[in-house]
Amino acid sequence: MNEKIVFAGNIIVDNVKVIPDWPRQGMLVKIDSFKRSLGGSALNTAYDLKTLDPSLDVKVLGKVGRDDNGDFALSVMSGRGLDVSEVGRADGPTTFTDVMTVS
Protein backbone atom coordinates (compact mmCIF):
# COMPACT_ATOMS: atom_id res chain seq x y z
CA MET A 1 0.00 0.00 0.00
CA ASN A 2 1.32 3.44 -0.97
CA GLU A 3 0.84 5.79 1.98
CA LYS A 4 0.62 9.51 1.30
CA ILE A 5 0.82 12.40 3.76
CA VAL A 6 -1.57 15.20 2.82
CA PHE A 7 -1.48 18.83 3.96
CA ALA A 8 -4.34 21.23 3.26
CA GLY A 9 -4.38 24.98 3.74
CA ASN A 10 -2.90 28.24 2.55
CA ILE A 11 -0.38 28.54 -0.26
CA ILE A 12 1.08 32.05 -0.27
CA VAL A 13 3.75 33.78 -2.35
CA ASP A 14 6.01 36.08 -0.31
CA ASN A 15 7.47 39.03 -2.21
CA VAL A 16 10.53 39.84 -0.08
CA LYS A 17 12.04 43.30 -0.60
CA VAL A 18 15.31 44.21 1.12
CA ILE A 19 15.57 47.95 1.89
CA PRO A 20 18.44 49.95 3.44
CA ASP A 21 16.27 51.81 6.02
CA TRP A 22 12.63 52.23 6.99
CA PRO A 23 11.23 55.28 5.18
CA ARG A 24 9.50 58.08 7.02
CA GLN A 25 5.81 58.43 6.28
CA GLY A 26 5.25 59.70 2.75
CA MET A 27 8.85 59.07 1.68
CA LEU A 28 10.25 56.59 -0.84
CA VAL A 29 12.98 54.05 -0.20
CA LYS A 30 15.27 52.18 -2.59
CA ILE A 31 14.72 48.42 -2.84
CA ASP A 32 18.18 46.79 -2.77
CA SER A 33 16.98 43.33 -3.74
CA PHE A 34 13.81 41.35 -4.38
CA LYS A 35 13.01 37.65 -4.27
CA ARG A 36 9.92 35.49 -4.22
CA SER A 37 9.47 32.61 -1.84
CA LEU A 38 6.56 30.49 -0.69
CA GLY A 39 4.69 30.27 2.58
CA GLY A 40 1.40 29.28 4.12
CA SER A 41 0.39 26.54 6.51
CA ALA A 42 -0.04 23.69 4.03
CA LEU A 43 3.03 24.49 2.02
CA ASN A 44 5.49 25.21 4.85
CA THR A 45 4.71 21.97 6.65
CA ALA A 46 4.74 19.84 3.49
CA TYR A 47 7.96 21.45 2.23
CA ASP A 48 9.74 20.99 5.56
CA LEU A 49 8.65 17.35 5.90
CA LYS A 50 9.82 16.58 2.36
CA THR A 51 13.16 18.24 3.18
CA LEU A 52 13.57 16.09 6.29
CA ASP A 53 12.73 12.88 4.41
CA PRO A 54 12.67 13.13 0.60
CA SER A 55 11.42 9.52 0.33
CA LEU A 56 8.03 10.45 1.80
CA ASP A 57 5.04 10.83 -0.55
CA VAL A 58 3.71 14.29 0.36
CA LYS A 59 0.69 15.98 -1.22
CA VAL A 60 -0.46 19.60 -0.91
CA LEU A 61 -4.11 20.62 -1.16
CA GLY A 62 -4.96 24.28 -1.64
CA LYS A 63 -5.63 26.86 -4.29
CA VAL A 64 -3.53 29.31 -6.28
CA GLY A 65 -4.54 31.85 -8.90
CA ARG A 66 -4.25 31.59 -12.66
CA ASP A 67 -1.39 34.08 -12.62
CA ASP A 68 2.40 34.26 -12.59
CA ASN A 69 2.51 33.78 -8.81
CA GLY A 70 0.36 30.67 -9.13
CA ASP A 71 2.67 29.29 -11.82
CA PHE A 72 5.66 30.10 -9.60
CA ALA A 73 4.12 28.34 -6.57
CA LEU A 74 3.29 25.20 -8.54
CA SER A 75 6.75 25.13 -10.11
CA VAL A 76 8.55 25.43 -6.76
CA MET A 77 6.34 22.80 -5.09
CA SER A 78 6.68 20.34 -7.99
CA GLY A 79 10.42 20.95 -8.14
CA ARG A 80 10.63 19.98 -4.49
CA GLY A 81 8.87 16.70 -5.25
CA LEU A 82 5.52 17.57 -3.70
CA ASP A 83 2.37 16.15 -5.27
CA VAL A 84 0.39 19.18 -6.47
CA SER A 85 -2.07 17.24 -8.62
CA GLU A 86 -5.04 18.50 -6.61
CA VAL A 87 -3.97 22.12 -6.10
CA GLY A 88 -6.82 24.16 -7.58
CA ARG A 89 -6.51 27.20 -9.80
CA ALA A 90 -8.75 30.18 -8.97
CA ASP A 91 -9.76 32.90 -11.41
CA GLY A 92 -8.49 35.56 -8.98
CA PRO A 93 -4.90 36.28 -8.01
CA THR A 94 -2.73 34.03 -5.87
CA THR A 95 -2.62 35.10 -2.24
CA PHE A 96 0.59 37.00 -1.53
CA THR A 97 2.38 39.09 1.07
CA ASP A 98 4.75 41.99 0.50
CA VAL A 99 7.57 41.67 3.02
CA MET A 100 9.97 44.55 3.68
CA THR A 101 13.15 43.81 5.60
CA VAL A 102 16.06 46.10 6.40
CA SER A 103 19.47 44.90 5.18
PDB file of N, CA and C in Angstrom:
ATOM      1  N   MET A   1       0.842  -1.182   0.000  1.00  0.00           N
ATOM      2  CA  MET A   1       0.000   0.000   0.000  1.00  0.00           C
ATOM      3  C   MET A   1       0.890   1.251   0.000  1.00  0.00           C
ATOM      4  N   ASN A   2       0.584   2.185  -0.879  1.00  0.00           N
ATOM      5  CA  ASN A   2       1.322   3.437  -0.970  1.00  0.00           C
ATOM      6  C   ASN A   2       0.685   4.464  -0.036  1.00  0.00           C
ATOM      7  N   GLU A   3       1.370   4.809   1.040  1.00  0.00           N
ATOM      8  CA  GLU A   3       0.841   5.790   1.980  1.00  0.00           C
ATOM      9  C   GLU A   3       1.282   7.188   1.577  1.00  0.00           C
ATOM     10  N   LYS A   4       0.352   8.128   1.686  1.00  0.00           N
ATOM     11  CA  LYS A   4       0.617   9.511   1.301  1.00  0.00           C
ATOM     12  C   LYS A   4       0.279  10.405   2.489  1.00  0.00           C
ATOM     13  N   ILE A   5       1.099  11.406   2.732  1.00  0.00           N
ATOM     14  CA  ILE A   5       0.823  12.405   3.762  1.00  0.00           C
ATOM     15  C   ILE A   5       0.269  13.622   3.042  1.00  0.00           C
ATOM     16  N   VAL A   6      -0.887  14.106   3.496  1.00  0.00           N
ATOM     17  CA  VAL A   6      -1.571  15.205   2.819  1.00  0.00           C
ATOM     18  C   VAL A   6      -1.687  16.400   3.755  1.00  0.00           C
ATOM     19  N   PHE A   7      -1.342  17.579   3.228  1.00  0.00           N
ATOM     20  CA  PHE A   7      -1.480  18.833   3.964  1.00  0.00           C
ATOM     21  C   PHE A   7      -2.419  19.746   3.192  1.00  0.00           C
ATOM     22  N   ALA A   8      -3.379  20.328   3.894  1.00  0.00           N
ATOM     23  CA  ALA A   8      -4.345  21.235   3.258  1.00  0.00           C
ATOM     24  C   ALA A   8      -4.290  22.587   3.954  1.00  0.00           C
ATOM     25  N   GLY A   9      -4.373  23.634   3.168  1.00  0.00           N
ATOM     26  CA  GLY A   9      -4.385  24.977   3.744  1.00  0.00           C
ATOM     27  C   GLY A   9      -3.878  26.021   2.772  1.00  0.00           C
ATOM     28  N   ASN A  10      -3.341  27.094   3.344  1.00  0.00           N
ATOM     29  CA  ASN A  10      -2.898  28.244   2.554  1.00  0.00           C
ATOM     30  C   ASN A  10      -1.625  27.964   1.769  1.00  0.00           C
ATOM     31  N   ILE A  11      -1.593  28.499   0.558  1.00  0.00           N
ATOM     32  CA  ILE A  11      -0.380  28.540  -0.263  1.00  0.00           C
ATOM     33  C   ILE A  11      -0.202  30.011  -0.626  1.00  0.00           C
ATOM     34  N   ILE A  12       0.888  30.602  -0.136  1.00  0.00           N
ATOM     35  CA  ILE A  12       1.083  32.045  -0.269  1.00  0.00           C
ATOM     36  C   ILE A  12       2.444  32.327  -0.905  1.00  0.00           C
ATOM     37  N   VAL A  13       2.486  33.315  -1.788  1.00  0.00           N
ATOM     38  CA  VAL A  13       3.747  33.783  -2.348  1.00  0.00           C
ATOM     39  C   VAL A  13       4.188  34.997  -1.531  1.00  0.00           C
ATOM     40  N   ASP A  14       5.432  34.950  -1.036  1.00  0.00           N
ATOM     41  CA  ASP A  14       6.012  36.076  -0.306  1.00  0.00           C
ATOM     42  C   ASP A  14       6.920  36.853  -1.247  1.00  0.00           C
ATOM     43  N   ASN A  15       6.629  38.133  -1.426  1.00  0.00           N
ATOM     44  CA  ASN A  15       7.474  39.032  -2.211  1.00  0.00           C
ATOM     45  C   ASN A  15       8.367  39.766  -1.218  1.00  0.00           C
ATOM     46  N   VAL A  16       9.617  39.320  -1.095  1.00  0.00           N
ATOM     47  CA  VAL A  16      10.530  39.840  -0.083  1.00  0.00           C
ATOM     48  C   VAL A  16      11.393  40.940  -0.695  1.00  0.00           C
ATOM     49  N   LYS A  17      11.295  42.133  -0.117  1.00  0.00           N
ATOM     50  CA  LYS A  17      12.039  43.295  -0.596  1.00  0.00           C
ATOM     51  C   LYS A  17      13.005  43.741   0.499  1.00  0.00           C
ATOM     52  N   VAL A  18      14.294  43.772   0.172  1.00  0.00           N
ATOM     53  CA  VAL A  18      15.312  44.213   1.123  1.00  0.00           C
ATOM     54  C   VAL A  18      15.546  45.702   0.888  1.00  0.00           C
ATOM     55  N   ILE A  19      15.412  46.491   1.971  1.00  0.00           N
ATOM     56  CA  ILE A  19      15.568  47.948   1.893  1.00  0.00           C
ATOM     57  C   ILE A  19      16.668  48.386   2.860  1.00  0.00           C
ATOM     58  N   PRO A  20      17.343  49.522   2.568  1.00  0.00           N
ATOM     59  CA  PRO A  20      18.445  49.953   3.443  1.00  0.00           C
ATOM     60  C   PRO A  20      17.965  50.514   4.783  1.00  0.00           C
ATOM     61  N   ASP A  21      16.833  51.190   4.809  1.00  0.00           N
ATOM     62  CA  ASP A  21      16.272  51.813   6.019  1.00  0.00           C
ATOM     63  C   ASP A  21      14.764  51.909   5.881  1.00  0.00           C
ATOM     64  N   TRP A  22      14.074  52.002   7.024  1.00  0.00           N
ATOM     65  CA  TRP A  22      12.632  52.229   6.989  1.00  0.00           C
ATOM     66  C   TRP A  22      12.375  53.668   6.576  1.00  0.00           C
ATOM     67  N   PRO A  23      11.513  53.896   5.601  1.00  0.00           N
ATOM     68  CA  PRO A  23      11.226  55.275   5.176  1.00  0.00           C
ATOM     69  C   PRO A  23      10.316  55.979   6.182  1.00  0.00           C
ATOM     70  N   ARG A  24      10.462  57.296   6.237  1.00  0.00           N
ATOM     71  CA  ARG A  24       9.502  58.078   7.016  1.00  0.00           C
ATOM     72  C   ARG A  24       8.192  58.100   6.238  1.00  0.00           C
ATOM     73  N   GLN A  25       7.117  58.389   6.930  1.00  0.00           N
ATOM     74  CA  GLN A  25       5.808  58.427   6.284  1.00  0.00           C
ATOM     75  C   GLN A  25       5.836  59.377   5.091  1.00  0.00           C
ATOM     76  N   GLY A  26       5.323  58.901   3.963  1.00  0.00           N
ATOM     77  CA  GLY A  26       5.245  59.698   2.752  1.00  0.00           C
ATOM     78  C   GLY A  26       6.524  59.735   1.928  1.00  0.00           C
ATOM     79  N   MET A  27       7.570  59.059   2.383  1.00  0.00           N
ATOM     80  CA  MET A  27       8.845  59.066   1.678  1.00  0.00           C
ATOM     81  C   MET A  27       9.038  57.753   0.917  1.00  0.00           C
ATOM     82  N   LEU A  28       9.906  57.775  -0.069  1.00  0.00           N
ATOM     83  CA  LEU A  28      10.248  56.589  -0.841  1.00  0.00           C
ATOM     84  C   LEU A  28      11.531  55.984  -0.292  1.00  0.00           C
ATOM     85  N   VAL A  29      11.740  54.715  -0.583  1.00  0.00           N
ATOM     86  CA  VAL A  29      12.976  54.047  -0.198  1.00  0.00           C
ATOM     87  C   VAL A  29      13.412  53.149  -1.353  1.00  0.00           C
ATOM     88  N   LYS A  30      14.716  53.035  -1.543  1.00  0.00           N
ATOM     89  CA  LYS A  30      15.271  52.177  -2.591  1.00  0.00           C
ATOM     90  C   LYS A  30      15.131  50.712  -2.165  1.00  0.00           C
ATOM     91  N   ILE A  31      14.761  49.858  -3.090  1.00  0.00           N
ATOM     92  CA  ILE A  31      14.721  48.416  -2.841  1.00  0.00           C
ATOM     93  C   ILE A  31      16.038  47.846  -3.345  1.00  0.00           C
ATOM     94  N   ASP A  32      16.863  47.322  -2.410  1.00  0.00           N
ATOM     95  CA  ASP A  32      18.175  46.793  -2.769  1.00  0.00           C
ATOM     96  C   ASP A  32      18.091  45.458  -3.488  1.00  0.00           C
ATOM     97  N   SER A  33      17.141  44.619  -3.074  1.00  0.00           N
ATOM     98  CA  SER A  33      16.976  43.327  -3.741  1.00  0.00           C
ATOM     99  C   SER A  33      15.555  42.837  -3.547  1.00  0.00           C
ATOM    100  N   PHE A  34      15.173  41.892  -4.397  1.00  0.00           N
ATOM    101  CA  PHE A  34      13.815  41.347  -4.380  1.00  0.00           C
ATOM    102  C   PHE A  34      13.900  39.860  -4.676  1.00  0.00           C
ATOM    103  N   LYS A  35      13.127  39.070  -3.940  1.00  0.00           N
ATOM    104  CA  LYS A  35      13.011  37.651  -4.267  1.00  0.00           C
ATOM    105  C   LYS A  35      11.619  37.172  -3.881  1.00  0.00           C
ATOM    106  N   ARG A  36      11.192  36.126  -4.551  1.00  0.00           N
ATOM    107  CA  ARG A  36       9.920  35.491  -4.215  1.00  0.00           C
ATOM    108  C   ARG A  36      10.216  34.190  -3.492  1.00  0.00           C
ATOM    109  N   SER A  37       9.388  33.897  -2.519  1.00  0.00           N
ATOM    110  CA  SER A  37       9.469  32.610  -1.841  1.00  0.00           C
ATOM    111  C   SER A  37       8.038  32.192  -1.519  1.00  0.00           C
ATOM    112  N   LEU A  38       7.895  31.007  -0.972  1.00  0.00           N
ATOM    113  CA  LEU A  38       6.558  30.492  -0.686  1.00  0.00           C
ATOM    114  C   LEU A  38       6.337  30.361   0.806  1.00  0.00           C
ATOM    115  N   GLY A  39       5.082  30.442   1.192  1.00  0.00           N
ATOM    116  CA  GLY A  39       4.694  30.271   2.585  1.00  0.00           C
ATOM    117  C   GLY A  39       3.271  29.778   2.666  1.00  0.00           C
ATOM    118  N   GLY A  40       2.755  29.768   3.871  1.00  0.00           N
ATOM    119  CA  GLY A  40       1.400  29.281   4.120  1.00  0.00           C
ATOM    120  C   GLY A  40       1.448  27.963   4.869  1.00  0.00           C
ATOM    121  N   SER A  41       0.408  27.699   5.616  1.00  0.00           N
ATOM    122  CA  SER A  41       0.387  26.543   6.514  1.00  0.00           C
ATOM    123  C   SER A  41       0.591  25.212   5.799  1.00  0.00           C
ATOM    124  N   ALA A  42      -0.148  24.968   4.743  1.00  0.00           N
ATOM    125  CA  ALA A  42      -0.037  23.685   4.034  1.00  0.00           C
ATOM    126  C   ALA A  42       1.340  23.535   3.410  1.00  0.00           C
ATOM    127  N   LEU A  43       1.775  24.567   2.756  1.00  0.00           N
ATOM    128  CA  LEU A  43       3.033  24.490   2.024  1.00  0.00           C
ATOM    129  C   LEU A  43       4.239  24.393   2.939  1.00  0.00           C
ATOM    130  N   ASN A  44       4.313  25.234   3.962  1.00  0.00           N
ATOM    131  CA  ASN A  44       5.486  25.209   4.847  1.00  0.00           C
ATOM    132  C   ASN A  44       5.680  23.841   5.486  1.00  0.00           C
ATOM    133  N   THR A  45       4.603  23.255   5.985  1.00  0.00           N
ATOM    134  CA  THR A  45       4.710  21.968   6.651  1.00  0.00           C
ATOM    135  C   THR A  45       5.082  20.866   5.665  1.00  0.00           C
ATOM    136  N   ALA A  46       4.437  20.850   4.511  1.00  0.00           N
ATOM    137  CA  ALA A  46       4.739  19.835   3.494  1.00  0.00           C
ATOM    138  C   ALA A  46       6.179  19.966   3.009  1.00  0.00           C
ATOM    139  N   TYR A  47       6.606  21.179   2.740  1.00  0.00           N
ATOM    140  CA  TYR A  47       7.955  21.447   2.231  1.00  0.00           C
ATOM    141  C   TYR A  47       9.011  21.001   3.245  1.00  0.00           C
ATOM    142  N   ASP A  48       8.780  21.357   4.516  1.00  0.00           N
ATOM    143  CA  ASP A  48       9.744  20.990   5.562  1.00  0.00           C
ATOM    144  C   ASP A  48       9.806  19.480   5.758  1.00  0.00           C
ATOM    145  N   LEU A  49       8.668  18.813   5.729  1.00  0.00           N
ATOM    146  CA  LEU A  49       8.652  17.354   5.898  1.00  0.00           C
ATOM    147  C   LEU A  49       9.393  16.674   4.742  1.00  0.00           C
ATOM    148  N   LYS A  50       9.155  17.145   3.531  1.00  0.00           N
ATOM    149  CA  LYS A  50       9.825  16.575   2.358  1.00  0.00           C
ATOM    150  C   LYS A  50      11.335  16.817   2.434  1.00  0.00           C
ATOM    151  N   THR A  51      11.742  17.958   3.004  1.00  0.00           N
ATOM    152  CA  THR A  51      13.161  18.244   3.183  1.00  0.00           C
ATOM    153  C   THR A  51      13.785  17.277   4.187  1.00  0.00           C
ATOM    154  N   LEU A  52      13.058  17.004   5.266  1.00  0.00           N
ATOM    155  CA  LEU A  52      13.566  16.087   6.289  1.00  0.00           C
ATOM    156  C   LEU A  52      13.679  14.653   5.779  1.00  0.00           C
ATOM    157  N   ASP A  53      12.701  14.245   4.946  1.00  0.00           N
ATOM    158  CA  ASP A  53      12.727  12.881   4.410  1.00  0.00           C
ATOM    159  C   ASP A  53      12.199  12.881   2.981  1.00  0.00           C
ATOM    160  N   PRO A  54      13.081  13.064   1.997  1.00  0.00           N
ATOM    161  CA  PRO A  54      12.672  13.133   0.597  1.00  0.00           C
ATOM    162  C   PRO A  54      11.963  11.879   0.086  1.00  0.00           C
ATOM    163  N   SER A  55      12.073  10.751   0.794  1.00  0.00           N
ATOM    164  CA  SER A  55      11.421   9.525   0.328  1.00  0.00           C
ATOM    165  C   SER A  55       9.918   9.510   0.617  1.00  0.00           C
ATOM    166  N   LEU A  56       9.450  10.419   1.463  1.00  0.00           N
ATOM    167  CA  LEU A  56       8.025  10.449   1.796  1.00  0.00           C
ATOM    168  C   LEU A  56       7.195  10.945   0.617  1.00  0.00           C
ATOM    169  N   ASP A  57       5.995  10.405   0.484  1.00  0.00           N
ATOM    170  CA  ASP A  57       5.045  10.829  -0.545  1.00  0.00           C
ATOM    171  C   ASP A  57       4.154  11.898   0.086  1.00  0.00           C
ATOM    172  N   VAL A  58       4.391  13.161  -0.275  1.00  0.00           N
ATOM    173  CA  VAL A  58       3.713  14.286   0.364  1.00  0.00           C
ATOM    174  C   VAL A  58       2.882  15.042  -0.673  1.00  0.00           C
ATOM    175  N   LYS A  59       1.618  15.275  -0.320  1.00  0.00           N
ATOM    176  CA  LYS A  59       0.685  15.979  -1.218  1.00  0.00           C
ATOM    177  C   LYS A  59       0.228  17.276  -0.558  1.00  0.00           C
ATOM    178  N   VAL A  60       0.047  18.308  -1.374  1.00  0.00           N
ATOM    179  CA  VAL A  60      -0.457  19.597  -0.911  1.00  0.00           C
ATOM    180  C   VAL A  60      -1.825  19.844  -1.531  1.00  0.00           C
ATOM    181  N   LEU A  61      -2.782  20.223  -0.697  1.00  0.00           N
ATOM    182  CA  LEU A  61      -4.111  20.621  -1.158  1.00  0.00           C
ATOM    183  C   LEU A  61      -4.283  22.100  -0.856  1.00  0.00           C
ATOM    184  N   GLY A  62      -4.739  22.849  -1.808  1.00  0.00           N
ATOM    185  CA  GLY A  62      -4.956  24.280  -1.636  1.00  0.00           C
ATOM    186  C   GLY A  62      -5.356  24.874  -2.967  1.00  0.00           C
ATOM    187  N   LYS A  63      -5.233  26.184  -3.054  1.00  0.00           N
ATOM    188  CA  LYS A  63      -5.625  26.855  -4.288  1.00  0.00           C
ATOM    189  C   LYS A  63      -4.680  28.012  -4.559  1.00  0.00           C
ATOM    190  N   VAL A  64      -4.312  28.172  -5.819  1.00  0.00           N
ATOM    191  CA  VAL A  64      -3.527  29.314  -6.277  1.00  0.00           C
ATOM    192  C   VAL A  64      -4.269  29.948  -7.450  1.00  0.00           C
ATOM    193  N   GLY A  65      -3.893  31.167  -7.791  1.00  0.00           N
ATOM    194  CA  GLY A  65      -4.540  31.852  -8.897  1.00  0.00           C
ATOM    195  C   GLY A  65      -4.001  31.406 -10.249  1.00  0.00           C
ATOM    196  N   ARG A  66      -4.706  31.833 -11.279  1.00  0.00           N
ATOM    197  CA  ARG A  66      -4.248  31.588 -12.656  1.00  0.00           C
ATOM    198  C   ARG A  66      -3.386  32.784 -13.079  1.00  0.00           C
ATOM    199  N   ASP A  67      -2.269  32.942 -12.381  1.00  0.00           N
ATOM    200  CA  ASP A  67      -1.391  34.076 -12.622  1.00  0.00           C
ATOM    201  C   ASP A  67       0.061  33.634 -12.492  1.00  0.00           C
ATOM    202  N   ASP A  68       0.976  34.574 -12.673  1.00  0.00           N
ATOM    203  CA  ASP A  68       2.403  34.265 -12.595  1.00  0.00           C
ATOM    204  C   ASP A  68       2.785  33.721 -11.211  1.00  0.00           C
ATOM    205  N   ASN A  69       2.210  34.286 -10.157  1.00  0.00           N
ATOM    206  CA  ASN A  69       2.508  33.784  -8.810  1.00  0.00           C
ATOM    207  C   ASN A  69       2.003  32.348  -8.622  1.00  0.00           C
ATOM    208  N   GLY A  70       0.866  32.034  -9.196  1.00  0.00           N
ATOM    209  CA  GLY A  70       0.356  30.666  -9.125  1.00  0.00           C
ATOM    210  C   GLY A  70       1.264  29.701  -9.870  1.00  0.00           C
ATOM    211  N   ASP A  71       1.719  30.118 -11.048  1.00  0.00           N
ATOM    212  CA  ASP A  71       2.667  29.294 -11.818  1.00  0.00           C
ATOM    213  C   ASP A  71       3.958  29.092 -11.025  1.00  0.00           C
ATOM    214  N   PHE A  72       4.445  30.166 -10.406  1.00  0.00           N
ATOM    215  CA  PHE A  72       5.663  30.100  -9.595  1.00  0.00           C
ATOM    216  C   PHE A  72       5.485  29.113  -8.438  1.00  0.00           C
ATOM    217  N   ALA A  73       4.373  29.219  -7.716  1.00  0.00           N
ATOM    218  CA  ALA A  73       4.122  28.336  -6.570  1.00  0.00           C
ATOM    219  C   ALA A  73       4.084  26.875  -7.003  1.00  0.00           C
ATOM    220  N   LEU A  74       3.371  26.589  -8.059  1.00  0.00           N
ATOM    221  CA  LEU A  74       3.287  25.202  -8.541  1.00  0.00           C
ATOM    222  C   LEU A  74       4.651  24.685  -8.985  1.00  0.00           C
ATOM    223  N   SER A  75       5.425  25.530  -9.637  1.00  0.00           N
ATOM    224  CA  SER A  75       6.748  25.130 -10.108  1.00  0.00           C
ATOM    225  C   SER A  75       7.684  24.808  -8.937  1.00  0.00           C
ATOM    226  N   VAL A  76       7.679  25.658  -7.922  1.00  0.00           N
ATOM    227  CA  VAL A  76       8.546  25.429  -6.762  1.00  0.00           C
ATOM    228  C   VAL A  76       8.127  24.158  -6.022  1.00  0.00           C
ATOM    229  N   MET A  77       6.825  23.990  -5.806  1.00  0.00           N
ATOM    230  CA  MET A  77       6.344  22.805  -5.088  1.00  0.00           C
ATOM    231  C   MET A  77       6.666  21.528  -5.859  1.00  0.00           C
ATOM    232  N   SER A  78       6.392  21.526  -7.165  1.00  0.00           N
ATOM    233  CA  SER A  78       6.683  20.340  -7.990  1.00  0.00           C
ATOM    234  C   SER A  78       8.174  20.049  -8.006  1.00  0.00           C
ATOM    235  N   GLY A  79       8.983  21.107  -8.121  1.00  0.00           N
ATOM    236  CA  GLY A  79      10.420  20.953  -8.144  1.00  0.00           C
ATOM    237  C   GLY A  79      10.966  20.352  -6.860  1.00  0.00           C
ATOM    238  N   ARG A  80      10.236  20.539  -5.787  1.00  0.00           N
ATOM    239  CA  ARG A  80      10.628  19.978  -4.493  1.00  0.00           C
ATOM    240  C   ARG A  80      10.170  18.532  -4.353  1.00  0.00           C
ATOM    241  N   GLY A  81       9.356  18.075  -5.301  1.00  0.00           N
ATOM    242  CA  GLY A  81       8.871  16.696  -5.251  1.00  0.00           C
ATOM    243  C   GLY A  81       7.543  16.536  -4.544  1.00  0.00           C
ATOM    244  N   LEU A  82       6.846  17.645  -4.320  1.00  0.00           N
ATOM    245  CA  LEU A  82       5.522  17.574  -3.697  1.00  0.00           C
ATOM    246  C   LEU A  82       4.470  17.252  -4.756  1.00  0.00           C
ATOM    247  N   ASP A  83       3.490  16.468  -4.376  1.00  0.00           N
ATOM    248  CA  ASP A  83       2.371  16.145  -5.265  1.00  0.00           C
ATOM    249  C   ASP A  83       1.408  17.330  -5.244  1.00  0.00           C
ATOM    250  N   VAL A  84       1.277  18.016  -6.369  1.00  0.00           N
ATOM    251  CA  VAL A  84       0.387  19.182  -6.470  1.00  0.00           C
ATOM    252  C   VAL A  84      -0.781  18.893  -7.418  1.00  0.00           C
ATOM    253  N   SER A  85      -1.059  17.621  -7.641  1.00  0.00           N
ATOM    254  CA  SER A  85      -2.074  17.237  -8.621  1.00  0.00           C
ATOM    255  C   SER A  85      -3.472  17.728  -8.263  1.00  0.00           C
ATOM    256  N   GLU A  86      -3.705  18.025  -7.008  1.00  0.00           N
ATOM    257  CA  GLU A  86      -5.035  18.505  -6.614  1.00  0.00           C
ATOM    258  C   GLU A  86      -5.013  19.935  -6.076  1.00  0.00           C
ATOM    259  N   VAL A  87      -3.966  20.697  -6.412  1.00  0.00           N
ATOM    260  CA  VAL A  87      -3.970  22.121  -6.096  1.00  0.00           C
ATOM    261  C   VAL A  87      -4.854  22.799  -7.132  1.00  0.00           C
ATOM    262  N   GLY A  88      -5.883  23.499  -6.666  1.00  0.00           N
ATOM    263  CA  GLY A  88      -6.818  24.156  -7.578  1.00  0.00           C
ATOM    264  C   GLY A  88      -6.278  25.464  -8.102  1.00  0.00           C
ATOM    265  N   ARG A  89      -6.857  25.909  -9.211  1.00  0.00           N
ATOM    266  CA  ARG A  89      -6.514  27.204  -9.800  1.00  0.00           C
ATOM    267  C   ARG A  89      -7.752  28.086  -9.764  1.00  0.00           C
ATOM    268  N   ALA A  90      -7.637  29.221  -9.092  1.00  0.00           N
ATOM    269  CA  ALA A  90      -8.747  30.177  -8.975  1.00  0.00           C
ATOM    270  C   ALA A  90      -8.639  31.228 -10.067  1.00  0.00           C
ATOM    271  N   ASP A  91      -9.774  31.839 -10.402  1.00  0.00           N
ATOM    272  CA  ASP A  91      -9.758  32.902 -11.407  1.00  0.00           C
ATOM    273  C   ASP A  91      -9.092  34.169 -10.880  1.00  0.00           C
ATOM    274  N   GLY A  92      -9.119  34.379  -9.576  1.00  0.00           N
ATOM    275  CA  GLY A  92      -8.490  35.564  -8.983  1.00  0.00           C
ATOM    276  C   GLY A  92      -7.000  35.365  -8.801  1.00  0.00           C
ATOM    277  N   PRO A  93      -6.346  36.370  -8.210  1.00  0.00           N
ATOM    278  CA  PRO A  93      -4.899  36.285  -8.007  1.00  0.00           C
ATOM    279  C   PRO A  93      -4.521  35.319  -6.886  1.00  0.00           C
ATOM    280  N   THR A  94      -3.292  34.845  -6.937  1.00  0.00           N
ATOM    281  CA  THR A  94      -2.728  34.031  -5.871  1.00  0.00           C
ATOM    282  C   THR A  94      -2.541  34.912  -4.638  1.00  0.00           C
ATOM    283  N   THR A  95      -2.841  34.364  -3.473  1.00  0.00           N
ATOM    284  CA  THR A  95      -2.624  35.096  -2.236  1.00  0.00           C
ATOM    285  C   THR A  95      -1.139  35.392  -2.085  1.00  0.00           C
ATOM    286  N   PHE A  96      -0.812  36.634  -1.670  1.00  0.00           N
ATOM    287  CA  PHE A  96       0.594  37.002  -1.529  1.00  0.00           C
ATOM    288  C   PHE A  96       0.767  37.977  -0.359  1.00  0.00           C
ATOM    289  N   THR A  97       2.005  38.073   0.089  1.00  0.00           N
ATOM    290  CA  THR A  97       2.376  39.095   1.070  1.00  0.00           C
ATOM    291  C   THR A  97       3.551  39.882   0.505  1.00  0.00           C
ATOM    292  N   ASP A  98       3.593  41.157   0.804  1.00  0.00           N
ATOM    293  CA  ASP A  98       4.747  41.990   0.498  1.00  0.00           C
ATOM    294  C   ASP A  98       5.522  42.157   1.796  1.00  0.00           C
ATOM    295  N   VAL A  99       6.739  41.661   1.817  1.00  0.00           N
ATOM    296  CA  VAL A  99       7.571  41.670   3.017  1.00  0.00           C
ATOM    297  C   VAL A  99       8.696  42.674   2.803  1.00  0.00           C
ATOM    298  N   MET A 100       8.855  43.604   3.727  1.00  0.00           N
ATOM    299  CA  MET A 100       9.972  44.549   3.680  1.00  0.00           C
ATOM    300  C   MET A 100      10.898  44.217   4.836  1.00  0.00           C
ATOM    301  N   THR A 101      12.173  44.076   4.552  1.00  0.00           N
ATOM    302  CA  THR A 101      13.148  43.806   5.598  1.00  0.00           C
ATOM    303  C   THR A 101      14.366  44.702   5.393  1.00  0.00           C
ATOM    304  N   VAL A 102      14.907  45.204   6.480  1.00  0.00           N
ATOM    305  CA  VAL A 102      16.062  46.097   6.396  1.00  0.00           C
ATOM    306  C   VAL A 102      17.331  45.275   6.315  1.00  0.00           C
ATOM    307  N   SER A 103      18.210  45.640   5.366  1.00  0.00           N
ATOM    308  CA  SER A 103      19.470  44.900   5.183  1.00  0.00           C
ATOM    309  C   SER A 103      20.424  45.140   6.335  1.00  0.00           C
TER     310      SER A 103
END
